[in-house]
Amino acid sequence: MPRRRKPASPFRYFNSSPEVIRLVVMMYVRFPLSLRNVEDLLAERGIDLCHETVRLWWNRFGPLFAADCAGSGSAGCVASGSGSGTSTRST
């Protein structure tokens, strides 16, 4: 009987930890911050990222985190007023 493969992590090709990626995406979605504001806040905390990395992670992981929040209905996933968990603002 063949062994089952466990599902591949969506974070497998990224050098940063999943916790940092989740923090960055949730910070951008939850608060009315620009990409460069998020970059500056993370730099103050010792995390060196480019604003384009924030945009890339938001585009890639935003829908994934929104689906997790919508499916679980937990209070830990707070949307930015829209109730969907994703932001539709343009950058």
C-alpha atoms as a PDB file:
ATOM      1  CA  MET A   1       0.000   0.000   0.000  1.00  0.00           C
ATOM      2  CA  PRO A   2       1.552   3.336  -1.039  1.00  0.00           C
ATOM      3  CA  ARG A   3       2.205   5.987   1.565  1.00  0.00           C
ATOM      4  CA  ARG A   4       0.042   9.062   1.487  1.00  0.00           C
ATOM      5  CA  ARG A   5       1.786  12.302   0.794  1.00  0.00           C
ATOM      6  CA  LYS A   6       1.010  15.093   3.145  1.00  0.00           C
ATOM      7  CA  PRO A   7      -0.186  18.252   1.410  1.00  0.00           C
ATOM      8  CA  ALA A   8       2.584  20.567   0.299  1.00  0.00           C
ATOM      9  CA  SER A   9       2.945  23.740   2.313  1.00  0.00           C
ATOM     10  CA  PRO A  10       2.136  26.935   0.403  1.00  0.00           C
ATOM     11  CA  PHE A  11       5.179  28.483   2.126  1.00  0.00           C
ATOM     12  CA  ARG A  12       7.674  25.893   0.840  1.00  0.00           C
ATOM     13  CA  TYR A  13       9.436  28.174  -1.672  1.00  0.00           C
ATOM     14  CA  PHE A  14       9.817  31.151   0.660  1.00  0.00           C
ATOM     15  CA  ASN A  15      12.800  31.799   2.923  1.00  0.00           C
ATOM     16  CA  SER A  16      10.763  33.605   5.569  1.00  0.00           C
ATOM     17  CA  SER A  17       8.813  31.780   8.223  1.00  0.00           C
ATOM     18  CA  PRO A  18       5.059  31.322   7.817  1.00  0.00           C
ATOM     19  CA  GLU A  19       4.530  33.395  10.986  1.00  0.00           C
ATOM     20  CA  VAL A  20       6.286  36.414   9.443  1.00  0.00           C
ATOM     21  CA  ILE A  21       4.360  36.045   6.190  1.00  0.00           C
ATOM     22  CA  ARG A  22       1.057  35.855   8.066  1.00  0.00           C
ATOM     23  CA  LEU A  23       2.004  38.885  10.198  1.00  0.00           C
ATOM     24  CA  VAL A  24       2.876  40.953   7.136  1.00  0.00           C
ATOM     25  CA  VAL A  25      -0.280  40.070   5.214  1.00  0.00           C
ATOM     26  CA  MET A  26      -2.588  40.549   8.182  1.00  0.00           C
ATOM     27  CA  MET A  27      -0.925  43.861   9.060  1.00  0.00           C
ATOM     28  CA  TYR A  28      -1.495  45.135   5.524  1.00  0.00           C
ATOM     29  CA  VAL A  29      -5.086  43.922   5.340  1.00  0.00           C
ATOM     30  CA  ARG A  30      -6.190  44.819   8.865  1.00  0.00           C
ATOM     31  CA  PHE A  31      -4.828  48.359   9.130  1.00  0.00           C
ATOM     32  CA  PRO A  32      -5.082  51.199   6.585  1.00  0.00           C
ATOM     33  CA  LEU A  33      -1.362  51.125   5.784  1.00  0.00           C
ATOM     34  CA  SER A  34       0.477  51.498   2.516  1.00  0.00           C
ATOM     35  CA  LEU A  35       2.989  48.913   1.393  1.00  0.00           C
ATOM     36  CA  ARG A  36       5.827  51.223   2.390  1.00  0.00           C
ATOM     37  CA  ASN A  37       4.255  51.850   5.805  1.00  0.00           C
ATOM     38  CA  VAL A  38       4.218  48.110   6.445  1.00  0.00           C
ATOM     39  CA  GLU A  39       7.845  47.946   5.280  1.00  0.00           C
ATOM     40  CA  ASP A  40       8.787  50.733   7.724  1.00  0.00           C
ATOM     41  CA  LEU A  41       6.949  49.142  10.658  1.00  0.00           C
ATOM     42  CA  LEU A  42       8.670  45.828  10.050  1.00  0.00           C
ATOM     43  CA  ALA A  43      12.068  47.557   9.735  1.00  0.00           C
ATOM     44  CA  GLU A  44      11.529  49.051  13.194  1.00  0.00           C
ATOM     45  CA  ARG A  45      11.045  45.504  14.473  1.00  0.00           C
ATOM     46  CA  GLY A  46      14.175  44.183  12.753  1.00  0.00           C
ATOM     47  CA  ILE A  47      12.489  42.510   9.758  1.00  0.00           C
ATOM     48  CA  ASP A  48      14.070  43.709   6.531  1.00  0.00           C
ATOM     49  CA  LEU A  49      11.587  43.421   3.652  1.00  0.00           C
ATOM     50  CA  CYS A  50      10.945  45.329   0.468  1.00  0.00           C
ATOM     51  CA  HIS A  51       7.482  46.792  -0.119  1.00  0.00           C
ATOM     52  CA  GLU A  52       7.266  44.642  -3.253  1.00  0.00           C
ATOM     53  CA  THR A  53       7.654  41.552  -1.065  1.00  0.00           C
ATOM     54  CA  VAL A  54       4.678  42.742   0.978  1.00  0.00           C
ATOM     55  CA  ARG A  55       2.672  43.134  -2.247  1.00  0.00           C
ATOM     56  CA  LEU A  56       3.713  39.717  -3.531  1.00  0.00           C
ATOM     57  CA  TRP A  57       2.762  38.006  -0.253  1.00  0.00           C
ATOM     58  CA  TRP A  58      -0.534  39.897  -0.093  1.00  0.00           C
ATOM     59  CA  ASN A  59      -1.437  38.779  -3.617  1.00  0.00           C
ATOM     60  CA  ARG A  60      -0.335  35.202  -3.026  1.00  0.00           C
ATOM     61  CA  PHE A  61      -1.455  34.508   0.557  1.00  0.00           C
ATOM     62  CA  GLY A  62      -4.284  37.012   1.091  1.00  0.00           C
ATOM     63  CA  PRO A  63      -6.960  34.781  -0.486  1.00  0.00           C
ATOM     64  CA  LEU A  64      -5.564  31.758   1.365  1.00  0.00           C
ATOM     65  CA  PHE A  65      -5.785  33.492   4.745  1.00  0.00           C
ATOM     66  CA  ALA A  66      -9.233  34.883   3.909  1.00  0.00           C
ATOM     67  CA  ALA A  67     -10.482  31.377   3.127  1.00  0.00           C
ATOM     68  CA  ASP A  68      -9.082  30.159   6.467  1.00  0.00           C
ATOM     69  CA  CYS A  69     -10.823  32.992   8.296  1.00  0.00           C
ATOM     70  CA  ALA A  70     -14.133  32.518   6.509  1.00  0.00           C
ATOM     71  CA  GLY A  71     -14.076  28.780   7.075  1.00  0.00           C
ATOM     72  CA  SER A  72     -13.180  28.895  10.759  1.00  0.00           C
ATOM     73  CA  GLY A  73     -15.154  31.968  11.755  1.00  0.00           C
ATOM     74  CA  SER A  74     -12.625  32.636  14.505  1.00  0.00           C
ATOM     75  CA  ALA A  75     -12.255  35.979  16.221  1.00  0.00           C
ATOM     76  CA  GLY A  76      -8.520  35.880  15.508  1.00  0.00           C
ATOM     77  CA  CYS A  77      -9.149  36.621  11.842  1.00  0.00           C
ATOM     78  CA  VAL A  78     -10.440  40.148  11.809  1.00  0.00           C
ATOM     79  CA  ALA A  79     -11.283  41.688   8.453  1.00  0.00           C
ATOM     80  CA  SER A  80     -10.841  45.361   7.669  1.00  0.00           C
ATOM     81  CA  GLY A  81     -14.515  46.250   7.860  1.00  0.00           C
ATOM     82  CA  SER A  82     -15.634  44.470   4.719  1.00  0.00           C
ATOM     83  CA  GLY A  83     -16.321  41.123   6.360  1.00  0.00           C
ATOM     84  CA  SER A  84     -14.518  39.191   3.646  1.00  0.00           C
ATOM     85  CA  GLY A  85     -10.978  39.209   4.994  1.00  0.00           C
ATOM     86  CA  THR A  86      -9.462  40.491   1.757  1.00  0.00           C
ATOM     87  CA  SER A  87      -8.821  44.012   0.730  1.00  0.00           C
ATOM     88  CA  THR A  88      -9.740  45.354  -2.691  1.00  0.00           C
ATOM     89  CA  ARG A  89      -7.690  48.529  -2.503  1.00  0.00           C
ATOM     90  CA  SER A  90      -5.303  49.278  -5.320  1.00  0.00           C
ATOM     91  CA  THR A  91      -1.665  50.041  -4.692  1.00  0.00           C
END
